[in-house]
Amino acid sequence: MSGKITDNLGRASGLIKAAGGGGKVGQVLTVQNSLVESTTSTSFATIADLSIAITPSATTSKIMTFSSLTCGMEANHTNFRLMRDSTAIGIGDANGSRSRSSFSIYETTSGQYSAWVQTFNWLDSPATVSAVTYSWQWKVSTDTSYINRGDDDSDTANYARTPSTITVMEILA
């Protein structure tokens, strides 16, 4: 093939137009938690062993978070919220007595045979070059909820244990 390479304006300048500056991935980190944990807390509490720290390379970097959590419960509301250090992010607007959460799982009947898998993605702008830690908090309305198993945890092949994960990806500006 011969001829001149043109830039995106169609001029025969012989130059290759440089790619845009943003959108490149700087780093990717992930954590997996397969330990079973339970809560009866009606106030938000941190899920143990499910947090990850990342140090952005520039204040203009964004952090894309990908999370997958498995929760088991019976006749219960369980609310979850994503945290950046001690700040809740990716939560709904305040409205009356409603819980400001990233997502909520509600089981209206006997759900002891179920383990609900919920994914949540959030693009964050921490505006820092200091390490930031992403984690999850949860709370229940009544009863007990579990991470990484269903409400009924009978020792048979019909019941599963599953992992929960957080993956963070630095997106360069």
Protein backbone atom coordinates (compact mmCIF):
# COMPACT_ATOMS: atom_id res chain seq x y z
CA MET A 1 0.00 0.00 0.00
CA SER A 2 1.33 3.43 -0.86
CA GLY A 3 0.24 6.99 -0.37
CA LYS A 4 0.10 9.43 2.50
CA ILE A 5 -1.61 8.82 5.79
CA THR A 6 -4.12 11.55 6.58
CA ASP A 7 -5.24 12.99 9.89
CA ASN A 8 -8.88 12.96 10.96
CA LEU A 9 -9.62 16.15 9.01
CA GLY A 10 -8.74 14.46 5.73
CA ARG A 11 -5.65 16.59 5.03
CA ALA A 12 -2.81 14.80 3.32
CA SER A 13 -0.28 15.94 5.90
CA GLY A 14 1.63 12.70 6.16
CA LEU A 15 1.03 12.73 9.92
CA ILE A 16 -0.72 10.15 12.03
CA LYS A 17 -3.14 11.86 14.39
CA ALA A 18 -2.29 11.18 18.02
CA ALA A 19 -4.78 9.18 20.04
CA GLY A 20 -6.86 11.04 22.61
CA GLY A 21 -5.26 11.50 26.01
CA GLY A 22 -7.91 9.92 28.19
CA GLY A 23 -9.51 6.57 28.68
CA LYS A 24 -6.39 4.46 29.03
CA VAL A 25 -6.22 1.94 31.83
CA GLY A 26 -3.47 2.69 34.34
CA GLN A 27 -3.82 -0.23 36.75
CA VAL A 28 -6.27 -2.99 37.68
CA LEU A 29 -6.58 -4.55 41.14
CA THR A 30 -9.04 -7.10 42.50
CA VAL A 31 -9.95 -8.74 45.77
CA GLN A 32 -12.07 -11.81 46.33
CA ASN A 33 -13.74 -12.82 49.59
CA SER A 34 -15.19 -16.31 49.89
CA LEU A 35 -15.53 -16.29 53.69
CA VAL A 36 -19.06 -16.48 55.07
CA GLU A 37 -20.11 -13.47 57.11
CA SER A 38 -23.45 -12.58 58.67
CA THR A 39 -25.06 -9.45 60.04
CA THR A 40 -28.04 -8.56 62.19
CA SER A 41 -27.03 -4.89 62.30
CA THR A 42 -29.74 -2.36 61.49
CA SER A 43 -27.02 0.29 61.01
CA PHE A 44 -24.50 0.13 58.18
CA ALA A 45 -21.48 -2.03 59.07
CA THR A 46 -18.43 -2.86 56.96
CA ILE A 47 -18.23 -6.27 55.31
CA ALA A 48 -14.97 -7.76 56.58
CA ASP A 49 -12.29 -8.91 54.11
CA LEU A 50 -13.94 -7.17 51.14
CA SER A 51 -11.96 -3.99 50.60
CA ILE A 52 -9.24 -2.87 48.22
CA ALA A 53 -6.85 0.10 48.17
CA ILE A 54 -5.63 1.82 45.02
CA THR A 55 -3.32 4.82 44.61
CA PRO A 56 -4.28 6.94 41.57
CA SER A 57 -1.34 8.23 39.52
CA ALA A 58 -2.99 11.64 38.91
CA THR A 59 -5.71 13.75 40.52
CA THR A 60 -7.57 13.67 37.19
CA SER A 61 -7.78 9.86 37.13
CA LYS A 62 -11.11 8.16 37.60
CA ILE A 63 -11.56 4.82 39.33
CA MET A 64 -13.98 2.34 37.78
CA THR A 65 -15.30 -0.08 40.38
CA PHE A 66 -16.84 -3.44 39.54
CA SER A 67 -18.43 -5.39 42.38
CA SER A 68 -20.25 -8.68 42.71
CA LEU A 69 -21.78 -9.66 46.04
CA THR A 70 -23.74 -12.77 47.00
CA CYS A 71 -26.29 -12.40 49.79
CA GLY A 72 -28.62 -14.91 51.42
CA MET A 73 -31.55 -14.04 53.70
CA GLU A 74 -35.08 -14.95 54.68
CA ALA A 75 -37.95 -12.41 54.65
CA ASN A 76 -35.66 -9.45 55.05
CA HIS A 77 -34.45 -6.21 53.47
CA THR A 78 -30.67 -5.96 53.10
CA ASN A 79 -29.21 -2.63 51.98
CA PHE A 80 -25.68 -2.20 50.65
CA ARG A 81 -23.57 0.88 50.01
CA LEU A 82 -20.21 1.34 48.33
CA MET A 83 -17.63 3.25 50.35
CA ARG A 84 -14.56 5.27 49.36
CA ASP A 85 -12.66 5.44 52.63
CA SER A 86 -15.35 6.72 55.05
CA THR A 87 -17.57 8.31 52.36
CA ALA A 88 -20.58 6.51 50.91
CA ILE A 89 -20.57 6.79 47.09
CA GLY A 90 -22.92 5.56 44.42
CA ILE A 91 -25.95 5.98 46.66
CA GLY A 92 -29.47 7.20 45.99
CA ASP A 93 -30.82 10.62 46.92
CA ALA A 94 -32.17 11.40 50.36
CA ASN A 95 -35.96 11.09 50.56
CA GLY A 96 -37.82 10.81 53.85
CA SER A 97 -36.79 7.82 55.94
CA ARG A 98 -35.53 5.82 52.98
CA SER A 99 -32.07 4.29 53.24
CA ARG A 100 -29.45 5.89 50.97
CA SER A 101 -28.00 2.75 49.42
CA SER A 102 -26.17 1.56 46.32
CA PHE A 103 -28.60 -1.35 46.03
CA SER A 104 -31.07 -3.30 48.12
CA ILE A 105 -32.20 -6.92 48.13
CA TYR A 106 -35.61 -7.80 49.47
CA GLU A 107 -36.91 -11.32 50.08
CA THR A 108 -40.65 -11.33 50.80
CA THR A 109 -41.09 -15.01 51.55
CA SER A 110 -39.04 -17.89 52.81
CA GLY A 111 -35.91 -17.46 50.70
CA GLN A 112 -33.59 -19.69 52.65
CA TYR A 113 -32.81 -21.66 49.50
CA SER A 114 -31.62 -18.62 47.58
CA ALA A 115 -28.35 -16.77 47.38
CA TRP A 116 -28.86 -13.51 45.48
CA VAL A 117 -26.00 -12.28 43.31
CA GLN A 118 -25.89 -8.53 42.79
CA THR A 119 -23.42 -6.67 40.60
CA PHE A 120 -22.73 -2.97 40.92
CA ASN A 121 -20.44 -0.73 38.85
CA TRP A 122 -19.50 2.83 39.74
CA LEU A 123 -17.17 5.37 38.10
CA ASP A 124 -15.60 7.43 40.88
CA SER A 125 -13.58 10.65 40.77
CA PRO A 126 -11.51 10.67 43.98
CA ALA A 127 -9.36 13.69 42.87
CA THR A 128 -6.29 12.55 44.81
CA VAL A 129 -2.93 10.84 44.39
CA SER A 130 -3.19 9.35 47.88
CA ALA A 131 -4.34 5.77 48.43
CA VAL A 132 -8.12 5.33 48.54
CA THR A 133 -9.88 2.24 49.86
CA TYR A 134 -13.10 0.89 48.38
CA SER A 135 -15.29 -1.36 50.52
CA TRP A 136 -18.90 -2.37 51.12
CA GLN A 137 -21.22 -1.81 54.05
CA TRP A 138 -24.53 -3.51 54.70
CA LYS A 139 -27.47 -3.47 57.08
CA VAL A 140 -30.70 -5.41 57.54
CA SER A 141 -34.26 -4.51 58.47
CA THR A 142 -34.78 -7.63 60.63
CA ASP A 143 -33.37 -11.12 61.05
CA THR A 144 -29.98 -12.20 59.64
CA SER A 145 -28.35 -11.83 56.24
CA TYR A 146 -25.29 -13.67 54.95
CA ILE A 147 -22.50 -12.99 52.48
CA ASN A 148 -21.29 -15.82 50.22
CA ARG A 149 -24.06 -18.32 51.08
CA GLY A 150 -27.82 -18.69 51.19
CA ASP A 151 -29.89 -18.48 54.36
CA ASP A 152 -30.07 -22.29 54.51
CA ASP A 153 -26.53 -23.64 54.46
CA SER A 154 -27.24 -27.38 54.54
CA ASP A 155 -24.27 -29.58 53.72
CA THR A 156 -25.56 -31.00 50.43
CA ALA A 157 -24.60 -30.57 46.79
CA ASN A 158 -27.76 -28.50 46.22
CA TYR A 159 -26.41 -25.58 48.27
CA ALA A 160 -23.50 -23.42 47.17
CA ARG A 161 -20.80 -21.24 48.59
CA THR A 162 -19.88 -18.35 46.30
CA PRO A 163 -17.31 -15.53 46.34
CA SER A 164 -17.86 -11.78 46.43
CA THR A 165 -15.43 -9.49 44.60
CA ILE A 166 -14.35 -5.90 44.07
CA THR A 167 -12.25 -4.92 41.06
CA VAL A 168 -10.91 -1.38 40.67
CA MET A 169 -9.48 0.06 37.47
CA GLU A 170 -7.69 3.38 37.17
CA ILE A 171 -8.85 5.28 34.09
CA LEU A 172 -6.26 7.88 33.08
CA ALA A 173 -7.45 11.35 32.04
